[in-house]
C-alpha cells in the first residue's frame, strides 16, 4: 500500500523521471505535491500500469495536486553532461516549476544532487511506496510518451510511437537500416553488443 509522505506534516514533493534508459528522446521528470487526503485505487508505479490507466489517472492527479512541475533535458544536453546528471537536472527543473516551494523532497532512486538547500531523501523503488512519487512517475511517463509520439510523426521508421525510444530489437534494427537521427543519444550503446562506428 502506498504511503502519503516520508515526513508527516511538511510540504513534501515527490520526484521521478522517465526515459533514462532510452536510446532516443529526452529525459523527462515530474515533481508533485499532493494533499494529505489524496487517494485513488489505481495509483501505483507507472511501470505497473497500462497506458490506459496512466492516462486515466493523469487528470485526477493534475486536478487534485497542490502543485506539480515538469522538467525536460533534451538529447543534446544528455550528451554533454551524461544521463545521470541529466536525470538530476530534469528533476531540478521540475522542482523549480512548482508553484509552492517544498520543505522536503522524496526522490525515486538511490542518488540525487542537492536542489538549493532543500533536504531530500532517496527512496529505492519509491514509485511503488509513496503516493507523490507514484504520481510524479505517471506524469513524467505520460509527458514523455507524448513527446515521442510527436517525434514519431517525422521518423516513423523507428516506431517510437510504440517503443518510445527504448532499446527494442526493432528499434536497433531500424538504426542499422536507416542510421541515427538528431534525437538519438549518440554516446549510448545504440546497437547493443555490435560496434556502432559505422553509424557516424
N, C-alpha and C. Protein backbone atom coordinates (compact mmCIF):
# COMPACT_ATOMS: atom_id res chain seq x y z
N UNK A 1 0.84 -1.19 0.00
CA UNK A 1 0.00 0.00 0.00
C UNK A 1 0.88 1.25 0.00
N UNK A 2 0.53 2.23 -0.82
CA UNK A 2 1.31 3.45 -0.93
C UNK A 2 1.12 4.33 0.30
N UNK A 3 2.21 4.97 0.72
CA UNK A 3 2.20 5.87 1.87
C UNK A 3 2.13 7.30 1.36
N UNK A 4 1.48 8.18 2.16
CA UNK A 4 1.35 9.56 1.70
C UNK A 4 2.67 10.32 1.75
N UNK A 5 3.39 10.24 2.88
CA UNK A 5 4.58 11.08 2.99
C UNK A 5 5.69 10.41 3.79
N UNK A 6 6.88 10.92 3.59
CA UNK A 6 8.06 10.44 4.31
C UNK A 6 8.16 11.12 5.67
N UNK A 7 7.84 12.41 5.70
CA UNK A 7 7.82 13.18 6.95
C UNK A 7 6.44 13.81 7.08
N UNK A 8 5.67 13.40 8.06
CA UNK A 8 4.32 13.91 8.25
C UNK A 8 4.32 15.40 8.57
N UNK A 9 3.33 16.09 8.03
CA UNK A 9 3.09 17.47 8.40
C UNK A 9 3.95 18.51 7.72
N UNK A 10 4.72 18.10 6.71
CA UNK A 10 5.53 19.09 5.99
C UNK A 10 5.11 19.10 4.51
N UNK A 11 5.42 20.21 3.86
CA UNK A 11 5.13 20.33 2.43
C UNK A 11 6.19 19.54 1.67
N UNK A 12 5.81 18.39 1.17
CA UNK A 12 6.77 17.45 0.61
C UNK A 12 6.47 17.18 -0.87
N UNK A 13 7.50 17.18 -1.69
CA UNK A 13 7.34 16.92 -3.12
C UNK A 13 7.97 15.58 -3.49
N UNK A 14 7.24 14.77 -4.23
CA UNK A 14 7.77 13.53 -4.77
C UNK A 14 8.31 13.78 -6.17
N UNK A 15 9.42 13.13 -6.52
CA UNK A 15 10.07 13.36 -7.81
C UNK A 15 10.44 12.04 -8.47
N UNK A 16 10.25 11.98 -9.78
CA UNK A 16 10.67 10.81 -10.55
C UNK A 16 10.93 11.25 -11.98
N UNK A 17 11.62 10.38 -12.72
CA UNK A 17 11.93 10.68 -14.12
C UNK A 17 11.55 9.52 -15.02
N UNK A 18 11.48 9.81 -16.32
CA UNK A 18 11.19 8.79 -17.32
C UNK A 18 12.14 8.97 -18.50
N UNK A 19 12.59 7.85 -19.08
CA UNK A 19 13.40 7.91 -20.29
C UNK A 19 14.88 7.78 -20.08
N UNK A 20 15.30 7.44 -18.88
CA UNK A 20 16.73 7.36 -18.61
C UNK A 20 17.41 6.27 -19.44
N UNK A 21 16.74 5.15 -19.67
CA UNK A 21 17.36 4.04 -20.39
C UNK A 21 17.08 4.01 -21.88
N UNK A 22 16.57 5.10 -22.42
CA UNK A 22 16.22 5.14 -23.85
C UNK A 22 17.42 5.43 -24.74
N UNK A 23 17.29 5.08 -26.00
CA UNK A 23 18.31 5.38 -26.99
C UNK A 23 18.06 6.71 -27.69
N UNK A 24 16.83 7.20 -27.59
CA UNK A 24 16.46 8.44 -28.28
C UNK A 24 15.46 9.22 -27.44
N UNK A 25 15.43 10.51 -27.69
CA UNK A 25 14.48 11.36 -27.00
C UNK A 25 15.03 11.92 -25.70
N UNK A 26 14.27 12.81 -25.08
CA UNK A 26 14.72 13.47 -23.85
C UNK A 26 14.49 12.61 -22.62
N UNK A 27 15.04 13.04 -21.51
CA UNK A 27 14.65 12.51 -20.21
C UNK A 27 13.70 13.55 -19.61
N UNK A 28 12.60 13.07 -19.04
CA UNK A 28 11.57 13.96 -18.51
C UNK A 28 11.33 13.62 -17.05
N UNK A 29 11.26 14.63 -16.22
CA UNK A 29 10.99 14.42 -14.79
C UNK A 29 9.74 15.18 -14.39
N UNK A 30 9.12 14.72 -13.32
CA UNK A 30 7.99 15.44 -12.74
C UNK A 30 8.17 15.50 -11.24
N UNK A 31 7.61 16.54 -10.66
CA UNK A 31 7.59 16.71 -9.21
C UNK A 31 6.16 17.06 -8.81
N UNK A 32 5.67 16.44 -7.75
CA UNK A 32 4.27 16.60 -7.35
C UNK A 32 4.16 16.78 -5.84
N UNK A 33 3.35 17.75 -5.43
CA UNK A 33 2.98 17.90 -4.03
C UNK A 33 1.49 17.57 -3.93
N UNK A 34 1.17 16.56 -3.15
CA UNK A 34 -0.21 16.09 -3.02
C UNK A 34 -0.82 16.52 -1.69
N UNK A 35 -2.14 16.72 -1.67
CA UNK A 35 -2.81 16.96 -0.39
C UNK A 35 -2.84 15.68 0.44
N UNK A 36 -3.02 15.82 1.73
CA UNK A 36 -2.97 14.66 2.62
C UNK A 36 -4.09 13.67 2.34
N UNK A 37 -5.22 14.14 1.82
CA UNK A 37 -6.35 13.24 1.59
C UNK A 37 -6.35 12.61 0.19
N UNK A 38 -5.25 12.79 -0.54
CA UNK A 38 -5.20 12.26 -1.91
C UNK A 38 -5.22 10.74 -1.91
N UNK A 39 -6.08 10.17 -2.75
CA UNK A 39 -6.12 8.71 -2.90
C UNK A 39 -6.82 8.35 -4.19
N UNK A 40 -6.39 7.27 -4.80
CA UNK A 40 -7.03 6.73 -5.99
C UNK A 40 -6.69 5.25 -6.06
N UNK A 41 -7.68 4.44 -6.34
CA UNK A 41 -7.49 2.98 -6.30
C UNK A 41 -6.47 2.49 -7.32
N UNK A 42 -6.26 3.24 -8.41
CA UNK A 42 -5.32 2.81 -9.45
C UNK A 42 -3.90 3.29 -9.21
N UNK A 43 -3.72 4.25 -8.31
CA UNK A 43 -2.40 4.88 -8.16
C UNK A 43 -1.33 3.86 -7.82
N UNK A 44 -0.26 3.86 -8.64
CA UNK A 44 0.85 2.94 -8.43
C UNK A 44 2.02 3.40 -9.29
N UNK A 45 3.15 2.72 -9.16
CA UNK A 45 4.30 2.93 -10.04
C UNK A 45 3.83 2.86 -11.49
N UNK A 46 4.22 3.85 -12.29
CA UNK A 46 3.75 3.92 -13.69
C UNK A 46 4.11 2.66 -14.48
N UNK A 47 5.21 1.99 -14.11
CA UNK A 47 5.62 0.79 -14.84
C UNK A 47 4.67 -0.38 -14.61
N UNK A 48 3.85 -0.29 -13.57
CA UNK A 48 2.90 -1.36 -13.26
C UNK A 48 1.50 -1.07 -13.79
N UNK A 49 1.36 0.05 -14.49
CA UNK A 49 0.06 0.45 -15.02
C UNK A 49 0.05 0.35 -16.54
N UNK A 50 -1.12 0.12 -17.09
CA UNK A 50 -1.28 0.14 -18.55
C UNK A 50 -1.31 1.60 -19.01
N UNK A 51 -1.10 1.80 -20.30
CA UNK A 51 -1.17 3.15 -20.84
C UNK A 51 -2.54 3.76 -20.56
N UNK A 52 -3.59 2.99 -20.72
CA UNK A 52 -4.95 3.47 -20.47
C UNK A 52 -5.11 3.92 -19.03
N UNK A 53 -4.59 3.14 -18.08
CA UNK A 53 -4.68 3.50 -16.67
C UNK A 53 -3.90 4.77 -16.36
N UNK A 54 -2.70 4.89 -16.95
CA UNK A 54 -1.88 6.08 -16.71
C UNK A 54 -2.59 7.35 -17.17
N UNK A 55 -3.17 7.29 -18.36
CA UNK A 55 -3.82 8.48 -18.88
C UNK A 55 -5.17 8.73 -18.21
N UNK A 56 -5.76 7.70 -17.64
CA UNK A 56 -6.97 7.88 -16.84
C UNK A 56 -6.64 8.59 -15.52
N UNK A 57 -5.50 8.27 -14.96
CA UNK A 57 -5.08 8.86 -13.68
C UNK A 57 -4.61 10.31 -13.84
N UNK A 58 -4.05 10.64 -14.98
CA UNK A 58 -3.40 11.94 -15.14
C UNK A 58 -4.29 13.13 -14.77
N UNK A 59 -5.52 13.26 -15.31
CA UNK A 59 -6.32 14.44 -14.94
C UNK A 59 -6.69 14.46 -13.46
N UNK A 60 -6.84 13.29 -12.86
CA UNK A 60 -7.14 13.22 -11.43
C UNK A 60 -5.96 13.78 -10.63
N UNK A 61 -4.75 13.40 -11.02
CA UNK A 61 -3.55 13.91 -10.34
C UNK A 61 -3.42 15.41 -10.54
N UNK A 62 -3.59 15.88 -11.78
CA UNK A 62 -3.42 17.29 -12.08
C UNK A 62 -4.44 18.15 -11.35
N UNK A 63 -5.66 17.66 -11.25
CA UNK A 63 -6.73 18.43 -10.60
C UNK A 63 -6.67 18.36 -9.08
N UNK A 64 -6.04 17.31 -8.55
CA UNK A 64 -6.02 17.11 -7.10
C UNK A 64 -4.74 17.63 -6.44
N UNK A 65 -3.65 17.67 -7.18
CA UNK A 65 -2.37 18.06 -6.60
C UNK A 65 -2.39 19.51 -6.12
N UNK A 66 -1.65 19.78 -5.06
CA UNK A 66 -1.47 21.17 -4.63
C UNK A 66 -0.68 21.92 -5.68
N UNK A 67 0.28 21.25 -6.30
CA UNK A 67 1.00 21.77 -7.45
C UNK A 67 1.85 20.67 -8.05
N UNK A 68 2.29 20.89 -9.28
CA UNK A 68 3.15 19.94 -9.96
C UNK A 68 4.06 20.69 -10.92
N UNK A 69 5.18 20.08 -11.26
CA UNK A 69 6.10 20.68 -12.21
C UNK A 69 6.71 19.60 -13.09
N UNK A 70 7.07 19.97 -14.30
CA UNK A 70 7.71 19.05 -15.25
C UNK A 70 9.02 19.66 -15.70
N UNK A 71 10.05 18.83 -15.83
CA UNK A 71 11.34 19.28 -16.32
C UNK A 71 11.84 18.38 -17.43
N UNK A 72 12.45 18.98 -18.45
CA UNK A 72 12.91 18.23 -19.63
C UNK A 72 14.38 18.52 -19.87
N UNK A 73 15.14 17.48 -20.18
CA UNK A 73 16.53 17.63 -20.63
C UNK A 73 16.63 16.90 -21.96
N UNK A 74 16.98 17.64 -23.01
CA UNK A 74 16.96 17.06 -24.35
C UNK A 74 18.22 16.25 -24.66
N UNK A 75 18.23 15.67 -25.84
CA UNK A 75 19.32 14.77 -26.25
C UNK A 75 20.67 15.47 -26.26
N UNK A 76 20.67 16.72 -26.70
CA UNK A 76 21.94 17.46 -26.77
C UNK A 76 22.54 17.64 -25.37
N UNK A 77 21.70 18.00 -24.44
CA UNK A 77 22.18 18.19 -23.07
C UNK A 77 22.62 16.86 -22.44
N UNK A 78 21.88 15.80 -22.74
CA UNK A 78 22.24 14.47 -22.22
C UNK A 78 23.65 14.10 -22.68
N UNK A 79 23.95 14.37 -23.95
CA UNK A 79 25.27 14.05 -24.50
C UNK A 79 26.37 14.86 -23.81
N UNK A 80 26.04 16.09 -23.43
CA UNK A 80 27.04 16.97 -22.84
C UNK A 80 27.33 16.64 -21.38
N UNK A 81 26.32 16.26 -20.62
CA UNK A 81 26.52 16.12 -19.17
C UNK A 81 26.34 14.70 -18.66
N UNK A 82 25.98 13.75 -19.49
CA UNK A 82 25.72 12.34 -19.24
C UNK A 82 24.33 12.13 -18.64
N UNK A 83 23.83 10.92 -18.74
CA UNK A 83 22.43 10.65 -18.42
C UNK A 83 22.14 10.77 -16.92
N UNK A 84 23.10 10.44 -16.07
CA UNK A 84 22.87 10.57 -14.63
C UNK A 84 22.66 12.03 -14.25
N UNK A 85 23.56 12.88 -14.71
CA UNK A 85 23.42 14.31 -14.42
C UNK A 85 22.20 14.90 -15.11
N UNK A 86 21.86 14.38 -16.28
CA UNK A 86 20.67 14.84 -16.98
C UNK A 86 19.41 14.50 -16.19
N UNK A 87 19.40 13.33 -15.56
CA UNK A 87 18.25 12.94 -14.73
C UNK A 87 18.10 13.88 -13.54
N UNK A 88 19.24 14.20 -12.90
CA UNK A 88 19.20 15.15 -11.79
C UNK A 88 18.71 16.52 -12.26
N UNK A 89 19.22 16.97 -13.41
CA UNK A 89 18.84 18.29 -13.93
C UNK A 89 17.36 18.34 -14.27
N UNK A 90 16.83 17.27 -14.87
CA UNK A 90 15.41 17.24 -15.19
C UNK A 90 14.57 17.36 -13.92
N UNK A 91 14.98 16.66 -12.85
CA UNK A 91 14.24 16.76 -11.59
C UNK A 91 14.38 18.15 -10.98
N UNK A 92 15.57 18.74 -11.08
CA UNK A 92 15.74 20.11 -10.59
C UNK A 92 14.81 21.06 -11.33
N UNK A 93 14.71 20.91 -12.62
CA UNK A 93 13.82 21.78 -13.40
C UNK A 93 12.37 21.56 -13.02
N UNK A 94 11.99 20.30 -12.78
CA UNK A 94 10.63 20.01 -12.37
C UNK A 94 10.31 20.66 -11.02
N UNK A 95 11.23 20.54 -10.08
CA UNK A 95 11.05 21.14 -8.75
C UNK A 95 10.97 22.66 -8.89
N UNK A 96 11.81 23.22 -9.76
CA UNK A 96 11.81 24.66 -9.98
C UNK A 96 10.52 25.17 -10.58
N UNK A 97 9.74 24.30 -11.21
CA UNK A 97 8.47 24.69 -11.82
C UNK A 97 7.28 24.52 -10.88
N UNK A 98 7.53 24.09 -9.65
CA UNK A 98 6.45 24.00 -8.66
C UNK A 98 6.04 25.41 -8.23
N UNK A 99 4.74 25.62 -8.05
CA UNK A 99 4.26 26.93 -7.61
C UNK A 99 4.47 27.13 -6.11
N UNK A 100 4.60 26.04 -5.38
CA UNK A 100 4.90 26.09 -3.96
C UNK A 100 6.30 25.53 -3.75
N UNK A 101 7.03 26.06 -2.78
CA UNK A 101 8.36 25.53 -2.51
C UNK A 101 8.28 24.50 -1.39
N UNK A 102 8.63 23.25 -1.67
CA UNK A 102 8.57 22.22 -0.64
C UNK A 102 9.67 22.40 0.40
N UNK A 103 9.44 21.82 1.57
CA UNK A 103 10.49 21.84 2.60
C UNK A 103 11.22 20.50 2.67
N UNK A 104 10.73 19.54 1.91
CA UNK A 104 11.40 18.24 1.85
C UNK A 104 11.09 17.60 0.50
N UNK A 105 12.06 16.87 -0.05
CA UNK A 105 11.91 16.18 -1.33
C UNK A 105 12.08 14.69 -1.12
N UNK A 106 11.25 13.90 -1.78
CA UNK A 106 11.49 12.46 -1.81
C UNK A 106 11.72 12.07 -3.26
N UNK A 107 12.85 11.41 -3.48
CA UNK A 107 13.37 11.13 -4.82
C UNK A 107 13.34 9.63 -5.08
N UNK A 108 12.81 9.24 -6.23
CA UNK A 108 12.87 7.83 -6.60
C UNK A 108 14.30 7.47 -6.99
N UNK A 109 14.86 6.45 -6.35
CA UNK A 109 16.23 6.04 -6.68
C UNK A 109 17.15 6.16 -5.48
N UNK A 110 18.43 5.97 -5.74
CA UNK A 110 19.40 5.96 -4.63
C UNK A 110 20.41 7.11 -4.68
N UNK A 111 20.26 8.02 -5.66
CA UNK A 111 21.21 9.14 -5.77
C UNK A 111 20.48 10.39 -6.21
N UNK A 112 20.98 11.54 -5.73
CA UNK A 112 20.39 12.82 -6.11
C UNK A 112 21.39 13.92 -5.77
N UNK A 113 21.36 14.99 -6.55
CA UNK A 113 22.17 16.17 -6.24
C UNK A 113 21.28 17.19 -5.54
N UNK A 114 21.80 17.78 -4.48
CA UNK A 114 21.03 18.77 -3.72
C UNK A 114 20.40 19.81 -4.63
N UNK A 115 19.14 20.14 -4.33
CA UNK A 115 18.47 21.24 -5.03
C UNK A 115 18.31 22.37 -4.04
N UNK A 116 18.96 23.51 -4.34
CA UNK A 116 19.02 24.63 -3.40
C UNK A 116 19.50 24.05 -2.07
N UNK A 117 18.82 24.34 -0.99
CA UNK A 117 19.18 23.75 0.29
C UNK A 117 18.03 22.96 0.87
N UNK A 118 17.18 22.43 -0.03
CA UNK A 118 16.01 21.68 0.43
C UNK A 118 16.44 20.26 0.81
N UNK A 119 16.18 19.81 2.02
CA UNK A 119 16.53 18.44 2.40
C UNK A 119 15.82 17.42 1.51
N UNK A 120 16.49 16.29 1.26
CA UNK A 120 15.86 15.27 0.43
C UNK A 120 16.16 13.89 0.99
N UNK A 121 15.31 12.95 0.59
CA UNK A 121 15.51 11.54 0.93
C UNK A 121 15.38 10.73 -0.36
N UNK A 122 16.34 9.87 -0.62
CA UNK A 122 16.30 8.97 -1.79
C UNK A 122 15.65 7.66 -1.37
N UNK A 123 14.67 7.24 -2.16
CA UNK A 123 13.90 6.04 -1.84
C UNK A 123 14.01 5.06 -2.99
N UNK A 124 14.68 3.93 -2.78
CA UNK A 124 14.75 2.89 -3.81
C UNK A 124 13.35 2.32 -4.03
N UNK A 125 12.94 2.26 -5.29
CA UNK A 125 11.58 1.84 -5.66
C UNK A 125 10.52 2.71 -4.98
N UNK A 126 10.85 3.98 -4.86
CA UNK A 126 9.94 4.92 -4.20
C UNK A 126 8.62 5.07 -4.92
N UNK A 127 8.61 4.83 -6.25
CA UNK A 127 7.37 4.97 -7.00
C UNK A 127 6.35 3.88 -6.66
N UNK A 128 6.77 2.84 -5.96
CA UNK A 128 5.84 1.81 -5.51
C UNK A 128 5.60 1.90 -4.00
N UNK A 129 6.12 2.99 -3.37
CA UNK A 129 5.99 3.14 -1.91
C UNK A 129 5.28 4.42 -1.50
N UNK A 130 5.49 5.50 -2.27
CA UNK A 130 4.95 6.80 -1.87
C UNK A 130 4.04 7.38 -2.95
N UNK A 131 2.91 7.92 -2.52
CA UNK A 131 1.91 8.41 -3.45
C UNK A 131 2.45 9.52 -4.35
N UNK A 132 3.18 10.47 -3.77
CA UNK A 132 3.64 11.60 -4.57
C UNK A 132 4.68 11.18 -5.61
N UNK A 133 5.52 10.19 -5.28
CA UNK A 133 6.48 9.69 -6.26
C UNK A 133 5.76 8.91 -7.36
N UNK A 134 4.77 8.11 -6.98
CA UNK A 134 3.98 7.38 -7.97
C UNK A 134 3.29 8.35 -8.92
N UNK A 135 2.71 9.41 -8.36
CA UNK A 135 2.05 10.42 -9.20
C UNK A 135 3.05 11.10 -10.13
N UNK A 136 4.24 11.40 -9.61
CA UNK A 136 5.27 12.02 -10.44
C UNK A 136 5.71 11.07 -11.55
N UNK A 137 5.81 9.78 -11.25
CA UNK A 137 6.22 8.81 -12.26
C UNK A 137 5.21 8.75 -13.40
N UNK A 138 3.93 8.87 -13.07
CA UNK A 138 2.87 8.84 -14.08
C UNK A 138 2.92 10.08 -14.96
N UNK A 139 3.06 11.24 -14.34
CA UNK A 139 3.12 12.48 -15.13
C UNK A 139 4.35 12.50 -16.04
N UNK A 140 5.49 12.09 -15.50
CA UNK A 140 6.72 12.09 -16.30
C UNK A 140 6.60 11.14 -17.49
N UNK A 141 6.09 9.95 -17.23
CA UNK A 141 5.94 8.95 -18.30
C UNK A 141 4.96 9.43 -19.36
N UNK A 142 3.81 9.95 -18.95
CA UNK A 142 2.82 10.41 -19.93
C UNK A 142 3.35 11.58 -20.75
N UNK A 143 4.02 12.52 -20.09
CA UNK A 143 4.55 13.69 -20.80
C UNK A 143 5.58 13.25 -21.83
N UNK A 144 6.47 12.34 -21.43
CA UNK A 144 7.49 11.88 -22.36
C UNK A 144 6.88 11.07 -23.51
N UNK A 145 5.88 10.25 -23.21
CA UNK A 145 5.22 9.49 -24.27
C UNK A 145 4.65 10.40 -25.33
N UNK A 146 4.08 11.52 -24.92
CA UNK A 146 3.52 12.47 -25.89
C UNK A 146 4.63 13.06 -26.77
N UNK A 147 5.77 13.35 -26.16
CA UNK A 147 6.90 13.88 -26.94
C UNK A 147 7.33 12.85 -27.99
N UNK A 148 7.46 11.58 -27.57
CA UNK A 148 7.91 10.55 -28.51
C UNK A 148 6.88 10.29 -29.60
N UNK A 149 5.61 10.41 -29.27
CA UNK A 149 4.56 10.27 -30.29
C UNK A 149 4.68 11.37 -31.34
N UNK A 150 5.01 12.58 -30.90
CA UNK A 150 5.20 13.69 -31.83
C UNK A 150 6.43 13.46 -32.71
N UNK A 151 7.52 13.02 -32.10
CA UNK A 151 8.74 12.75 -32.88
C UNK A 151 8.52 11.63 -33.89
N UNK A 152 7.68 10.69 -33.54
CA UNK A 152 7.38 9.56 -34.43
C UNK A 152 6.76 10.02 -35.74
N UNK A 153 6.06 11.13 -35.73
CA UNK A 153 5.42 11.62 -36.95
C UNK A 153 6.45 11.92 -38.04
N UNK A 154 7.64 12.38 -37.63
CA UNK A 154 8.69 12.71 -38.59
C UNK A 154 9.68 11.56 -38.81
N UNK A 155 9.68 10.59 -37.90
CA UNK A 155 10.61 9.46 -38.00
C UNK A 155 9.87 8.13 -37.76
N UNK A 156 8.86 7.83 -38.57
CA UNK A 156 8.02 6.65 -38.33
C UNK A 156 8.77 5.32 -38.44
N UNK A 157 9.89 5.31 -39.15
CA UNK A 157 10.62 4.06 -39.36
C UNK A 157 11.21 3.50 -38.06
N UNK A 158 11.33 4.33 -37.03
CA UNK A 158 11.90 3.87 -35.75
C UNK A 158 10.83 3.38 -34.77
N UNK A 159 9.57 3.57 -35.14
CA UNK A 159 8.44 3.08 -34.36
C UNK A 159 8.42 3.61 -32.92
N UNK A 160 8.79 4.89 -32.78
CA UNK A 160 8.82 5.48 -31.44
C UNK A 160 7.44 5.57 -30.82
N UNK A 161 6.40 5.55 -31.64
CA UNK A 161 5.04 5.59 -31.09
C UNK A 161 4.79 4.39 -30.20
N UNK A 162 5.46 3.27 -30.52
CA UNK A 162 5.28 2.06 -29.69
C UNK A 162 6.42 1.86 -28.70
N UNK A 163 7.67 2.03 -29.16
CA UNK A 163 8.79 1.71 -28.25
C UNK A 163 9.27 2.91 -27.43
N UNK A 164 8.78 4.12 -27.75
CA UNK A 164 9.11 5.34 -27.01
C UNK A 164 10.61 5.61 -26.91
N UNK A 165 11.40 5.04 -27.83
CA UNK A 165 12.84 5.28 -27.83
C UNK A 165 13.64 4.27 -27.05
N UNK A 166 12.96 3.30 -26.43
CA UNK A 166 13.69 2.28 -25.66
C UNK A 166 14.41 1.31 -26.61
N UNK A 167 15.42 0.59 -26.11
CA UNK A 167 16.25 -0.27 -26.97
C UNK A 167 15.63 -1.62 -27.31
N UNK A 168 14.54 -1.59 -28.07
CA UNK A 168 13.95 -2.84 -28.54
C UNK A 168 14.76 -3.37 -29.73
N UNK A 169 14.57 -4.61 -30.03
CA UNK A 169 15.26 -5.21 -31.18
C UNK A 169 14.89 -4.48 -32.46
N UNK A 170 13.60 -4.17 -32.63
CA UNK A 170 13.15 -3.48 -33.84
C UNK A 170 13.75 -2.07 -33.95
N UNK A 171 13.88 -1.40 -32.82
CA UNK A 171 14.47 -0.06 -32.82
C UNK A 171 15.93 -0.13 -33.27
N UNK A 172 16.66 -1.10 -32.73
CA UNK A 172 18.07 -1.22 -33.11
C UNK A 172 18.22 -1.63 -34.58
N UNK A 173 17.35 -2.47 -35.06
CA UNK A 173 17.40 -2.85 -36.48
C UNK A 173 17.12 -1.64 -37.36
N UNK A 174 16.22 -0.77 -36.92
CA UNK A 174 15.91 0.44 -37.69
C UNK A 174 17.12 1.38 -37.72
N UNK A 175 17.87 1.44 -36.62
CA UNK A 175 19.08 2.26 -36.59
C UNK A 175 20.11 1.73 -37.58
N UNK A 176 20.26 0.39 -37.63
CA UNK A 176 21.19 -0.22 -38.58
C UNK A 176 20.78 0.10 -40.01
N UNK A 177 19.49 0.03 -40.28
CA UNK A 177 18.99 0.23 -41.64
C UNK A 177 18.96 1.69 -42.07
N UNK A 178 18.54 2.57 -41.16
CA UNK A 178 18.30 3.97 -41.54
C UNK A 178 19.31 4.96 -40.95
N UNK A 179 20.18 4.47 -40.05
CA UNK A 179 21.12 5.38 -39.41
C UNK A 179 20.50 6.09 -38.21
N UNK A 180 21.21 7.07 -37.69
CA UNK A 180 20.74 7.77 -36.50
C UNK A 180 20.04 9.07 -36.88
N UNK A 181 19.22 9.57 -35.98
CA UNK A 181 18.52 10.84 -36.15
C UNK A 181 19.12 11.87 -35.19
N UNK A 182 18.73 13.12 -35.31
CA UNK A 182 19.19 14.12 -34.35
C UNK A 182 18.71 13.84 -32.93
N UNK A 183 17.72 12.95 -32.81
CA UNK A 183 17.15 12.67 -31.49
C UNK A 183 17.79 11.47 -30.81
N UNK A 184 18.68 10.76 -31.50
CA UNK A 184 19.36 9.63 -30.87
C UNK A 184 20.50 10.12 -29.97
N UNK A 185 20.72 9.38 -28.90
CA UNK A 185 21.79 9.69 -27.95
C UNK A 185 23.05 8.97 -28.42
N UNK A 186 23.88 9.68 -29.09
CA UNK A 186 24.99 9.05 -29.82
C UNK A 186 26.09 8.51 -28.90
N UNK A 187 26.11 8.93 -27.64
CA UNK A 187 27.08 8.39 -26.69
C UNK A 187 26.59 7.09 -26.06
N UNK A 188 25.35 6.70 -26.38
CA UNK A 188 24.79 5.46 -25.85
C UNK A 188 25.18 4.29 -26.75
N UNK A 189 25.06 3.09 -26.22
CA UNK A 189 25.35 1.88 -26.98
C UNK A 189 24.12 1.54 -27.84
N UNK A 190 24.02 2.22 -28.97
CA UNK A 190 22.81 2.15 -29.78
C UNK A 190 22.53 0.76 -30.34
N UNK A 191 23.59 0.01 -30.62
CA UNK A 191 23.40 -1.28 -31.28
C UNK A 191 23.60 -2.48 -30.34
N UNK A 192 23.63 -2.25 -29.06
CA UNK A 192 23.84 -3.35 -28.14
C UNK A 192 25.28 -3.81 -28.18
N UNK A 193 25.51 -5.09 -28.48
CA UNK A 193 26.86 -5.64 -28.46
C UNK A 193 27.65 -5.34 -29.73
N UNK A 194 26.99 -4.82 -30.75
CA UNK A 194 27.68 -4.56 -32.02
C UNK A 194 28.35 -3.19 -32.02
N UNK A 195 29.38 -3.04 -32.83
CA UNK A 195 30.05 -1.76 -32.96
C UNK A 195 29.14 -0.78 -33.69
N UNK A 196 29.16 0.47 -33.26
CA UNK A 196 28.33 1.46 -33.93
C UNK A 196 29.17 2.51 -34.68
N UNK A 197 30.47 2.20 -34.86
CA UNK A 197 31.33 3.16 -35.53
C UNK A 197 30.84 3.50 -36.94
N UNK A 198 30.24 2.49 -37.61
CA UNK A 198 29.80 2.72 -38.99
C UNK A 198 28.58 3.61 -39.09
N UNK A 199 27.97 3.95 -37.95
CA UNK A 199 26.78 4.78 -37.97
C UNK A 199 27.09 6.25 -38.19
N UNK A 200 28.34 6.66 -37.93
CA UNK A 200 28.66 8.09 -37.93
C UNK A 200 29.68 8.43 -39.01
